[in-house]
Protein backbone atom coordinates (compact mmCIF):
# COMPACT_ATOMS: atom_id res chain seq x y z
CA MET A 1 152.62 100.90 166.90
CA ALA A 2 156.24 101.07 165.81
CA VAL A 3 158.52 98.74 167.72
CA SER A 4 162.32 98.44 167.55
CA ILE A 5 163.42 95.09 166.23
CA THR A 6 167.16 95.31 166.85
CA ALA A 7 167.07 92.37 169.22
CA MET A 8 169.94 91.14 171.36
CA LEU A 9 168.74 87.58 171.81
CA ALA A 10 170.01 85.12 174.34
CA PRO A 11 172.54 82.47 173.25
CA ALA A 12 171.45 79.01 172.16
CA LEU A 13 169.91 77.02 174.97
CA ALA A 14 171.12 73.97 176.76
CA THR A 15 168.88 70.94 176.70
CA THR A 16 168.89 70.24 180.40
CA PRO A 17 165.62 68.95 181.88
CA ALA A 18 163.02 71.60 182.59
CA ALA A 19 161.28 71.88 185.93
CA ALA A 20 157.93 71.25 184.25
CA ALA A 21 157.12 67.76 183.10
CA PRO A 22 157.72 67.31 179.36
CA ALA A 23 154.88 66.61 177.02
CA SER A 24 154.54 63.20 175.51
CA ALA A 25 155.73 62.82 171.94
CA PRO A 26 153.17 63.96 169.37
CA SER A 27 151.01 61.37 167.70
CA ALA A 28 151.90 59.89 164.34
CA THR A 29 149.38 62.18 162.67
CA ALA A 30 151.03 65.19 164.23
CA SER A 31 154.65 64.37 163.62
CA PRO A 32 156.79 61.90 161.71
CA ALA A 33 158.89 61.51 164.88
CA THR A 34 157.18 58.49 166.41
CA ALA A 35 159.97 56.84 168.37
CA THR A 36 159.41 57.01 172.13
CA GLY A 37 161.37 59.90 173.58
CA ALA A 38 162.59 61.11 170.18
CA LEU A 39 161.64 64.68 171.01
CA ASP A 40 162.76 64.63 174.65
CA PRO A 41 165.94 66.64 173.99
CA TYR A 42 163.68 69.37 172.62
CA THR A 43 160.69 69.27 174.97
CA ARG A 44 162.96 69.24 178.04
CA GLN A 45 164.84 72.41 177.18
CA LYS A 46 164.99 75.10 179.84
CA PRO A 47 164.97 78.59 178.32
CA ARG A 48 167.61 81.00 179.54
CA TRP A 49 165.49 84.13 179.65
CA LYS A 50 167.17 87.51 179.62
CA ARG A 51 166.27 91.07 178.72
CA CYS A 52 165.80 91.29 174.96
CA GLU A 53 167.74 94.51 174.54
CA ALA A 54 168.89 97.42 176.62
CA SER A 55 166.28 99.79 175.21
CA ALA A 56 163.38 97.38 175.79
CA PRO A 57 161.39 97.16 179.03
CA ALA A 58 162.98 94.83 181.58
CA GLU A 59 159.82 92.70 181.58
CA PHE A 60 160.32 91.86 177.90
CA GLN A 61 162.49 88.75 177.88
CA CYS A 62 163.98 86.72 175.05
CA ALA A 63 165.54 83.30 174.70
CA THR A 64 166.44 80.76 172.06
CA ILE A 65 165.43 77.12 171.98
CA GLN A 66 166.14 74.50 169.35
CA VAL A 67 163.84 72.41 167.17
CA PRO A 68 164.53 69.65 164.63
CA LEU A 69 165.05 70.75 161.06
CA ASP A 70 163.25 67.55 160.00
CA TYR A 71 160.82 65.97 162.45
CA ARG A 72 161.27 62.68 160.62
CA ALA A 73 164.88 62.69 161.82
CA PRO A 74 164.87 64.57 165.13
CA GLY A 75 168.42 63.50 165.90
CA GLY A 76 169.72 65.39 162.89
CA LYS A 77 170.27 69.05 162.14
CA ARG A 78 168.68 71.60 164.46
CA LEU A 79 167.24 75.07 163.95
CA ASP A 80 167.16 77.93 166.43
CA LEU A 81 163.74 79.20 167.47
CA ALA A 82 163.80 82.73 168.89
CA ILE A 83 161.10 83.23 171.52
CA SER A 84 159.97 86.05 173.79
CA ARG A 85 157.62 86.67 176.68
CA ILE A 86 156.04 89.21 178.96
CA LYS A 87 154.80 87.50 182.08
CA SER A 88 151.29 87.94 183.44
CA THR A 89 150.80 91.15 185.40
CA ALA A 90 148.74 89.26 188.00
CA PRO A 91 150.29 85.81 188.57
CA GLY A 92 147.59 84.88 191.05
CA THR A 93 144.94 84.98 188.31
CA ARG A 94 147.15 83.66 185.51
CA HIS A 95 145.44 81.20 183.16
CA GLY A 96 148.37 80.20 180.97
CA VAL A 97 150.24 81.44 177.92
CA LEU A 98 148.87 83.37 174.94
CA LEU A 99 151.01 82.61 171.91
CA SER A 100 150.75 85.00 168.96
CA ASN A 101 151.60 85.24 165.27
CA PRO A 102 151.31 88.43 163.19
CA GLY A 103 150.99 86.88 159.74
CA GLY A 104 153.26 86.37 156.77
CA PRO A 105 154.34 83.83 155.77
CA GLY A 106 157.83 85.09 156.45
CA GLY A 107 156.84 87.65 159.08
CA PRO A 108 158.80 87.76 162.35
CA GLY A 109 156.77 87.85 165.54
CA ILE A 110 159.22 88.03 168.41
CA TYR A 111 158.11 91.56 169.27
CA MET A 112 154.41 90.73 169.33
CA PRO A 113 154.27 90.62 173.16
CA LEU A 114 155.33 94.28 173.38
CA ALA A 115 152.59 95.32 170.96
CA LEU A 116 149.99 93.11 172.62
CA LYS A 117 150.85 94.46 176.06
CA GLU A 118 150.08 97.95 174.76
CA GLU A 119 147.01 97.07 172.69
CA LEU A 120 145.14 94.35 174.58
CA PRO A 121 142.83 95.03 177.54
CA ALA A 122 144.53 94.85 180.93
CA SER A 123 142.16 92.05 181.87
CA VAL A 124 143.80 89.88 179.20
CA THR A 125 147.41 90.77 180.02
CA ARG A 126 146.70 89.89 183.65
CA LYS A 127 145.42 86.50 182.56
CA TYR A 128 148.26 85.35 180.31
CA ASP A 129 151.99 85.29 179.78
CA LEU A 130 152.30 86.87 176.33
CA ILE A 131 154.52 84.72 174.10
CA GLY A 132 156.05 85.69 170.77
CA PHE A 133 158.33 83.87 168.36
CA ASP A 134 160.03 84.15 165.00
CA PRO A 135 158.83 81.16 162.94
CA ARG A 136 161.49 78.75 161.70
CA GLY A 137 163.60 80.26 158.95
CA VAL A 138 162.47 83.80 159.79
CA GLY A 139 164.13 86.68 161.66
CA GLU A 140 166.28 85.36 164.49
CA SER A 141 165.13 81.74 164.00
CA SER A 142 167.90 80.39 161.71
CA PRO A 143 166.94 82.83 158.94
CA VAL A 144 166.90 81.58 155.36
CA SER A 145 167.91 83.45 152.23
CA CYS A 146 167.71 83.03 148.47
CA ASN A 147 170.20 85.84 147.69
CA LEU A 148 167.46 87.69 145.84
CA THR A 149 167.81 91.21 144.52
CA LEU A 150 165.07 93.77 145.12
CA GLU A 151 163.94 93.35 141.53
CA GLU A 152 163.73 89.58 141.98
CA GLU A 153 161.62 90.03 145.11
CA ASP A 154 158.99 91.91 143.07
CA TRP A 155 156.61 89.04 142.41
CA LEU A 156 153.09 90.25 141.57
CA ARG A 157 153.65 90.79 137.86
CA PRO A 158 150.79 91.56 135.44
CA TYR A 159 150.46 89.33 132.42
CA LYS A 160 151.65 90.78 129.14
CA LYS A 161 152.23 88.72 126.02
CA GLU A 162 155.47 90.54 125.27
CA THR A 163 156.96 90.04 128.75
CA PHE A 164 155.66 86.59 129.70
CA THR A 165 158.78 84.74 128.55
CA LYS A 166 160.86 87.09 130.71
CA ASP A 167 158.53 86.51 133.67
CA VAL A 168 158.87 82.74 133.30
CA ALA A 169 162.65 83.13 133.33
CA TRP A 170 162.38 85.26 136.49
CA ALA A 171 160.24 82.66 138.28
CA ARG A 172 162.61 79.85 137.31
CA LYS A 173 165.63 81.88 138.44
CA VAL A 174 164.11 82.62 141.86
CA ALA A 175 163.44 78.93 142.44
CA GLU A 176 166.94 78.01 141.31
CA LYS A 177 168.56 80.65 143.54
CA CYS A 178 166.56 79.44 146.52
CA ARG A 179 167.70 75.86 145.94
CA ALA A 180 171.31 76.94 145.50
CA LYS A 181 171.39 79.03 148.66
CA SER A 182 169.12 77.15 151.09
CA GLY A 183 168.05 73.97 149.33
CA GLY A 184 168.76 71.72 152.33
CA VAL A 185 166.60 73.82 154.65
CA LEU A 186 163.76 75.29 152.59
CA PRO A 187 161.81 72.01 152.18
CA HIS A 188 161.37 71.95 155.96
CA ILE A 189 160.22 75.58 156.33
CA THR A 190 156.55 74.68 156.25
CA THR A 191 153.43 75.45 158.24
CA ARG A 192 153.17 71.85 159.46
CA ASN A 193 156.67 72.00 160.91
CA THR A 194 156.04 75.41 162.44
CA ALA A 195 152.94 73.97 164.13
CA ARG A 196 155.12 71.17 165.50
CA ASP A 197 157.56 73.81 166.74
CA LEU A 198 154.71 75.43 168.63
CA ASP A 199 153.97 72.16 170.37
CA VAL A 200 157.61 71.82 171.37
CA LEU A 201 157.42 75.39 172.68
CA ARG A 202 154.28 74.52 174.62
CA ALA A 203 156.15 71.67 176.32
CA VAL A 204 159.20 73.83 176.99
CA LEU A 205 156.96 76.38 178.69
CA GLY A 206 155.45 73.63 180.87
CA GLU A 207 151.92 74.08 179.54
CA LYS A 208 149.40 71.31 178.95
CA LYS A 209 147.53 73.43 176.41
CA LEU A 210 148.08 76.51 174.26
CA SER A 211 145.98 79.61 173.86
CA TYR A 212 146.65 81.48 170.64
CA LEU A 213 146.01 84.75 168.82
CA GLY A 214 146.85 84.56 165.12
CA TYR A 215 146.34 87.07 162.32
CA SER A 216 146.07 86.38 158.57
CA TYR A 217 148.66 83.66 157.78
CA GLY A 218 148.66 83.10 161.52
CA THR A 219 145.08 81.82 161.22
CA TYR A 220 146.27 79.06 158.91
CA LEU A 221 149.11 78.20 161.28
CA GLY A 222 146.60 78.06 164.13
CA ALA A 223 144.19 75.92 162.12
CA VAL A 224 146.96 73.46 161.23
CA TYR A 225 147.90 73.25 164.91
CA THR A 226 144.30 72.40 165.81
CA GLN A 227 144.35 69.65 163.21
CA LEU A 228 147.66 68.13 164.35
CA PHE A 229 147.25 68.62 168.11
CA PRO A 230 143.52 68.90 168.86
CA GLY A 231 143.90 67.83 172.49
CA ARG A 232 146.34 70.63 173.23
CA VAL A 233 144.14 73.51 172.09
CA ASP A 234 142.78 75.90 174.72
CA ARG A 235 141.49 79.30 173.51
CA PHE A 236 142.22 80.01 169.86
CA VAL A 237 141.38 83.33 168.17
CA LEU A 238 141.84 83.34 164.38
CA ASP A 239 141.60 86.89 163.05
CA SER A 240 141.26 87.63 159.29
CA ALA A 241 141.25 84.05 158.15
CA VAL A 242 142.81 81.97 155.42
CA ASP A 243 140.78 79.32 153.61
CA PRO A 244 142.95 76.23 154.23
CA ALA A 245 141.68 74.49 151.10
CA ARG A 246 143.14 77.32 149.00
CA ALA A 247 146.64 77.43 150.45
CA TRP A 248 148.36 78.90 148.61
CA ARG A 249 147.76 79.63 144.94
CA GLY A 250 144.04 79.93 145.55
CA MET A 251 144.59 82.41 148.38
CA VAL A 252 146.61 84.69 146.08
CA GLN A 253 143.77 84.40 143.57
CA TRP A 254 141.32 85.43 146.30
CA TRP A 255 142.91 88.88 146.07
CA ALA A 256 141.56 89.23 142.53
CA GLU A 257 138.19 87.62 143.20
CA GLY A 258 137.60 89.67 146.33
CA ALA A 259 138.57 92.93 144.64
CA GLU A 260 135.72 92.88 142.12
CA PRO A 261 132.80 93.33 144.57
CA ALA A 262 134.92 95.89 146.43
CA PHE A 263 135.50 97.78 143.16
CA ASP A 264 131.75 97.79 142.43
CA ARG A 265 131.07 99.09 145.94
CA TRP A 266 133.62 101.83 145.33
CA THR A 267 132.00 102.98 142.07
CA GLU A 268 128.64 103.20 143.84
CA TRP A 269 130.14 105.16 146.74
CA ALA A 270 131.95 107.62 144.48
CA ALA A 271 128.93 108.08 142.22
CA ALA A 272 126.75 108.97 145.20
CA ARG A 273 129.24 111.78 145.98
CA SER A 274 129.85 112.99 142.44
CA GLU A 275 129.36 116.65 143.42
CA THR A 276 132.31 116.34 145.80
CA TYR A 277 134.69 114.19 143.77
CA GLY A 278 133.62 114.63 140.14
CA LEU A 279 134.28 111.07 138.99
CA GLY A 280 130.79 110.50 137.56
CA ASP A 281 127.23 110.51 138.86
CA THR A 282 126.54 106.82 138.17
CA PRO A 283 128.62 103.73 138.96
CA LYS A 284 129.02 103.11 135.23
CA LYS A 285 130.47 106.59 134.70
CA VAL A 286 132.89 106.17 137.63
CA ASP A 287 133.94 102.85 136.12
CA ARG A 288 134.55 104.54 132.77
CA THR A 289 136.57 107.32 134.40
CA PHE A 290 138.79 104.74 136.08
CA TRP A 291 139.49 102.67 132.98
CA GLU A 292 140.07 105.76 130.84
CA LEU A 293 142.84 106.78 133.24
CA ILE A 294 144.28 103.26 133.09
CA ALA A 295 144.41 103.47 129.28
CA ARG A 296 146.04 106.91 129.41
CA ALA A 297 148.65 105.72 131.89
CA ASP A 298 149.44 102.72 129.70
CA ARG A 299 150.15 105.09 126.82
CA LYS A 300 152.01 107.63 128.97
CA PRO A 301 152.83 106.91 132.64
CA VAL A 302 151.54 109.39 135.18
CA GLU A 303 154.30 111.49 136.76
CA PHE A 304 153.42 111.62 140.44
CA ASP A 305 155.54 112.27 143.54
CA GLY A 306 158.73 111.09 141.83
CA MET A 307 157.06 107.99 140.41
CA ARG A 308 156.03 107.05 136.87
CA LEU A 309 152.80 105.09 137.27
CA THR A 310 151.62 102.88 134.44
CA GLY A 311 148.11 101.56 134.11
CA ASP A 312 149.30 98.30 135.62
CA ASP A 313 150.76 100.17 138.59
CA ILE A 314 147.43 101.90 139.18
CA ARG A 315 145.47 98.65 138.86
CA GLY A 316 147.80 96.98 141.33
CA GLY A 317 147.49 99.77 143.88
CA MET A 318 143.76 100.18 143.46
CA ARG A 319 143.20 96.50 144.29
CA GLY A 320 143.74 97.07 147.99
CA ALA A 321 142.53 100.66 148.05
CA VAL A 322 138.94 99.98 146.96
CA PHE A 323 138.16 98.03 150.12
CA SER A 324 137.96 101.47 151.79
CA PRO A 325 135.88 103.56 149.34
CA LYS A 326 136.55 106.99 150.81
CA ALA A 327 140.32 106.48 150.89
CA ALA A 328 140.27 105.00 147.38
CA THR A 329 138.24 107.90 146.02
CA GLU A 330 140.47 110.57 147.54
CA ALA A 331 143.58 108.79 146.26
CA PHE A 332 142.21 108.34 142.75
CA VAL A 333 141.17 112.00 142.54
CA GLU A 334 144.76 113.06 143.31
CA LEU A 335 146.15 110.67 140.73
CA LYS A 336 143.74 112.00 138.13
CA LYS A 337 144.86 115.55 138.94
CA ALA A 338 148.46 114.53 138.32
CA ALA A 339 147.52 112.90 135.02
CA ASP A 340 145.79 116.15 134.00
CA GLY A 341 148.89 118.17 134.84
CA ARG A 342 147.37 119.78 137.93
CA PRO A 343 148.92 120.01 141.41
CA ALA A 344 148.19 116.87 143.43
CA SER A 345 148.70 115.78 147.01
CA ALA A 346 150.86 112.68 147.50
CA ALA A 347 149.76 112.44 151.12
CA LYS A 348 146.13 111.95 150.07
CA ALA A 349 147.05 109.21 147.60
CA THR A 350 148.86 106.76 149.87
CA ALA A 351 145.90 104.36 149.93
CA LEU A 352 146.68 103.73 146.26
CA THR A 353 150.40 104.45 145.90
CA GLY A 354 151.55 103.09 149.25
CA VAL A 355 153.98 104.49 151.78
CA ALA A 356 157.68 104.68 151.02
CA GLY A 357 159.98 102.57 153.14
CA SER A 358 161.13 99.00 153.47
CA ALA A 359 160.58 96.43 156.15
CA ARG A 360 162.94 96.68 159.08
CA GLN A 361 164.83 93.57 160.05
CA ALA A 362 167.12 92.55 162.89
CA ALA A 363 170.86 92.88 162.47
CA GLY A 364 172.36 89.90 160.70
CA VAL A 365 169.10 88.83 159.05
CA PRO A 366 169.41 88.54 155.24
CA ASP A 367 167.74 91.34 153.33
CA ASP A 368 165.55 88.89 151.43
CA ASN A 369 164.63 86.79 154.48
CA MET A 370 160.93 87.67 154.49
CA THR A 371 160.62 86.83 150.80
CA ALA A 372 162.64 83.62 151.10
CA GLY A 373 160.49 82.55 154.05
CA PHE A 374 157.36 83.48 152.11
CA TRP A 375 158.23 81.28 149.13
CA ALA A 376 159.36 78.41 151.33
CA VAL A 377 155.88 78.21 152.88
CA VAL A 378 153.74 79.27 149.93
CA CYS A 379 155.44 76.80 147.58
CA GLY A 380 156.41 74.09 150.06
CA ASP A 381 153.16 73.70 151.99
CA ASN A 382 151.35 72.34 148.96
CA SER A 383 153.35 72.05 145.76
CA ALA A 384 150.45 70.18 144.14
CA ALA A 385 148.44 73.42 144.09
CA TRP A 386 150.92 74.96 141.63
CA PRO A 387 150.84 73.86 137.97
CA ARG A 388 154.19 72.88 136.48
CA ASN A 389 153.51 74.01 132.93
CA PRO A 390 154.07 77.76 132.34
CA GLU A 391 151.43 77.67 129.62
CA ARG A 392 148.80 76.96 132.28
CA TYR A 393 149.72 80.20 134.05
CA ARG A 394 149.54 82.13 130.79
CA GLN A 395 146.07 80.79 130.05
CA ASP A 396 144.86 81.36 133.61
CA ALA A 397 146.20 84.93 133.65
CA ILE A 398 144.41 85.77 130.39
CA ALA A 399 141.15 84.20 131.56
CA ASP A 400 141.27 85.77 135.01
CA LYS A 401 142.04 89.23 133.65
CA GLY A 402 138.76 88.87 131.79
CA ARG A 403 136.88 87.66 134.88
CA TYR A 404 138.60 89.97 137.37
CA PRO A 405 139.89 92.95 135.36
CA LEU A 406 141.44 94.82 138.26
CA PHE A 407 143.88 92.16 139.43
CA GLY A 408 143.17 88.78 137.85
CA ASP A 409 146.32 88.59 135.74
CA PHE A 410 148.54 89.68 138.65
CA ALA A 411 147.19 86.89 140.82
CA SER A 412 147.20 84.05 138.29
CA SER A 413 150.36 84.65 136.28
CA ILE A 414 153.60 82.70 136.74
CA LYS A 415 155.17 82.34 140.20
CA PRO A 416 158.40 80.65 141.41
CA CYS A 417 156.30 77.79 142.83
CA ALA A 418 155.95 76.48 139.27
CA PHE A 419 159.59 75.41 139.52
CA TRP A 420 159.76 74.48 143.21
CA ASN A 421 160.64 71.02 144.44
CA ALA A 422 157.75 68.75 145.46
CA SER A 423 156.52 69.14 149.04
CA VAL A 424 158.05 66.69 151.52
CA GLU A 425 154.60 66.06 153.03
CA PRO A 426 151.03 66.22 151.75
CA ALA A 427 149.09 69.42 152.42
CA THR A 428 147.20 69.58 155.69
CA GLU A 429 143.47 69.00 155.35
CA VAL A 430 141.76 71.02 158.06
CA ASP A 431 138.55 69.30 159.10
CA ASN A 432 137.90 69.08 162.84
CA LYS A 433 135.62 69.87 165.75
CA VAL A 434 138.07 71.92 167.79
CA GLY A 435 136.57 75.01 169.39
CA SER A 436 137.90 78.37 168.19
CA LEU A 437 136.76 81.92 167.47
CA ILE A 438 137.11 83.27 163.92
CA VAL A 439 136.96 87.06 163.52
CA GLN A 440 136.54 88.78 160.16
CA ASN A 441 135.84 92.16 158.56
CA GLU A 442 133.37 92.19 155.70
CA TRP A 443 135.73 94.25 153.52
CA ASP A 444 139.20 92.78 153.91
CA SER A 445 141.60 93.10 150.99
CA GLN A 446 143.96 90.30 152.01
CA THR A 447 141.63 87.57 153.26
CA PRO A 448 138.16 88.33 151.88
CA LEU A 449 135.08 87.34 153.85
CA PRO A 450 134.41 84.07 151.93
CA SER A 451 137.88 82.89 152.94
CA ALA A 452 137.02 83.15 156.64
CA GLN A 453 133.62 81.58 156.05
CA ALA A 454 135.35 78.60 154.47
CA LEU A 455 137.58 78.12 157.52
CA HIS A 456 134.51 78.38 159.76
CA THR A 457 132.86 75.60 157.77
CA VAL A 458 135.69 73.09 158.17
CA MET A 459 136.32 73.94 161.84
CA LYS A 460 132.92 72.65 162.84
CA ARG A 461 132.92 73.77 166.49
CA SER A 462 134.18 77.24 165.71
CA LYS A 463 132.10 80.36 166.14
CA MET A 464 132.49 83.36 163.88
CA VAL A 465 132.36 87.10 164.50
CA THR A 466 131.57 89.01 161.29
CA VAL A 467 131.99 92.79 161.23
CA LEU A 468 129.49 94.17 158.70
CA GLY A 469 130.96 97.19 156.99
CA GLY A 470 134.32 96.40 158.55
CA GLU A 471 137.25 97.61 156.49
CA GLY A 472 140.87 96.60 156.83
CA HIS A 473 142.88 93.48 157.47
CA GLY A 474 142.85 92.61 161.16
CA VAL A 475 140.02 93.18 163.60
CA TYR A 476 141.02 92.69 167.26
CA PRO A 477 141.41 95.01 169.04
CA SER A 478 139.91 97.95 167.15
CA GLY A 479 137.83 99.80 169.74
CA ASN A 480 134.57 98.25 168.55
CA SER A 481 132.75 97.22 171.71
CA CYS A 482 130.93 94.39 169.95
CA THR A 483 133.97 92.69 168.46
CA ASP A 484 136.41 93.53 171.25
CA GLY A 485 133.92 92.46 173.89
CA THR A 486 133.27 89.11 172.23
CA VAL A 487 136.93 88.25 171.72
CA THR A 488 138.03 89.47 175.14
CA GLY A 489 135.20 87.57 176.80
CA TYR A 490 136.31 84.35 175.12
CA LEU A 491 139.95 84.86 176.11
CA LEU A 492 138.95 85.49 179.72
CA THR A 493 136.39 82.71 180.18
CA GLY A 494 137.09 80.15 177.48
CA LYS A 495 133.39 80.17 176.59
CA LEU A 496 132.56 80.56 172.93
CA PRO A 497 129.43 82.50 172.00
CA ALA A 498 126.33 80.31 171.80
CA ARG A 499 125.99 81.24 168.13
CA ASP A 500 127.81 83.24 165.49
CA VAL A 501 128.00 86.97 166.19
CA THR A 502 127.36 89.85 163.77
CA CYS A 503 128.77 93.26 164.67
CA ARG A 504 128.65 96.54 162.80
CA ALA A 505 131.74 98.58 162.12
CA THR A 506 132.10 102.11 163.40
CA ALA A 507 134.06 104.92 161.77
CA ALA A 508 136.60 104.67 164.59
CA SER A 509 137.01 100.91 164.38
CA ASN A 510 137.46 101.06 160.61
CA ALA A 511 140.08 103.76 160.97
CA GLU A 512 141.95 101.57 163.47
CA ALA A 513 141.73 98.47 161.29
CA ARG A 514 142.84 100.34 158.15
CA LYS A 515 146.19 101.10 159.75
CA ASP A 516 147.11 97.66 158.42
CA GLN A 517 146.78 98.82 154.81
CA GLN A 518 150.17 100.55 154.74
CA ARG A 519 153.01 99.15 152.66
CA ASP A 520 155.69 99.38 155.32
CA THR A 521 155.85 96.17 157.30
CA VAL A 522 156.27 96.64 161.02
CA PRO A 523 156.96 93.23 162.53
CA GLY A 524 155.54 92.81 165.99
CA SER A 525 152.32 94.74 165.68
CA PRO A 526 149.18 92.75 166.44
CA LEU A 527 147.76 94.42 163.36
CA PRO A 528 150.96 94.44 161.30
CA GLN A 529 151.29 97.23 158.77
CA ARG A 530 151.79 94.67 156.06
CA ALA A 531 152.66 95.17 152.43
CA PRO A 532 149.76 94.29 150.11
CA ASP A 533 151.66 91.28 148.74
CA ARG A 534 151.62 89.32 152.01
CA PHE A 535 149.06 87.74 154.30
């Protein structure tokens, strides 16, 4: 669903006492702010709700609250936090608030309530006030910038011996530009601090507990919240899940590891339909056809729909495409036609080549805000996960291209985090017994199934819904009665399934979930049409 994001947000809020009683200050494990009453100026804010914009429905309201830049010094600099809501359609049956996050890191979410109101069952929208927000540093929430050019934002770079020195220089330059532009703020744009912001928001809204619906990166944010504030968790749905132990270099490397079984599945699928597609009648022959085209494109780029596609370009695009074998096959056939000098359909190849267009952002938000916010979290959450020696990245990229030929060198080569400042806090270790519902497709290009299984393991009271044959990144809602029924039932009753649930995908539910595989980012969708280089 496309949603306008030209928001006219309310002015900064006063910090007058709210009608609802404020929450007590978070525990020492949740926040460095331990002095009694240190967060009172924040938890006692009263939002000044007003219509978000003239073109939006009157029920869609926006406001701005403030949060500490550094929770260790809550009396210091403040950040704006842009929030939104659509109130319950049946106040008499209202359970509480349902907070949402569409993923990222760096993705704005203030328009999520509009999308959820359209997508979720009416039984859920009657039960909850739908709450959205732009995470700190993102969108309308004191947006950060690194003054990056479009070329500098291009970060998934394949390893090549002849270009590696240039790639190291690029990574160093991005880190230096980020420090120069936003160095006082970026160290505090972390998932831990965003989780603390959510607890301030909970208090501002007058709620004892939060219910939550998070997608992709939003599952990690939700998991961190459960670790920091376990007593304030109500009904948490974590859809398409991040393995918290692999945040964040390991999660990027999951893209390469997860692509290999998907690639094998694709060769089997295409081989079984060789009479239709002509790519080979055995998986080995389909594999050979693919790599022969890669070699040809490396020698002479394929001219296709105004693009010149190298072998690396094709490998990079095919990484996400193969999680949906039919779409990948149709796209590859068109690309092969173009390489052979025959007429080819660009429309049939978008699963591989992507969809033209750039992410839309609110007026006044820096062009590179999503990327700056991405690096702030990916590097700052856990700097220890990123080696400091560029040689380590070179060796890893070479080794992983051998292990994971499709994408291993893209995932493991040098990134700006190699030159980032050390994290201001240790990484969050998620290991708890907080109840939650984890939902996952079997074939997910961004957060592969083992990633969700790992989160399920460390959240010991969680239950998991696995969609066998499910394709695409993002599950709920998708029209699958098994998955939708399980998640909706939990949101309505608070009762987790007695045991883990296995559902089977349908053609319709896969088609709905695959909408997320487009390149053009549409902030605000519950299944955001996210570029393949974000979570």
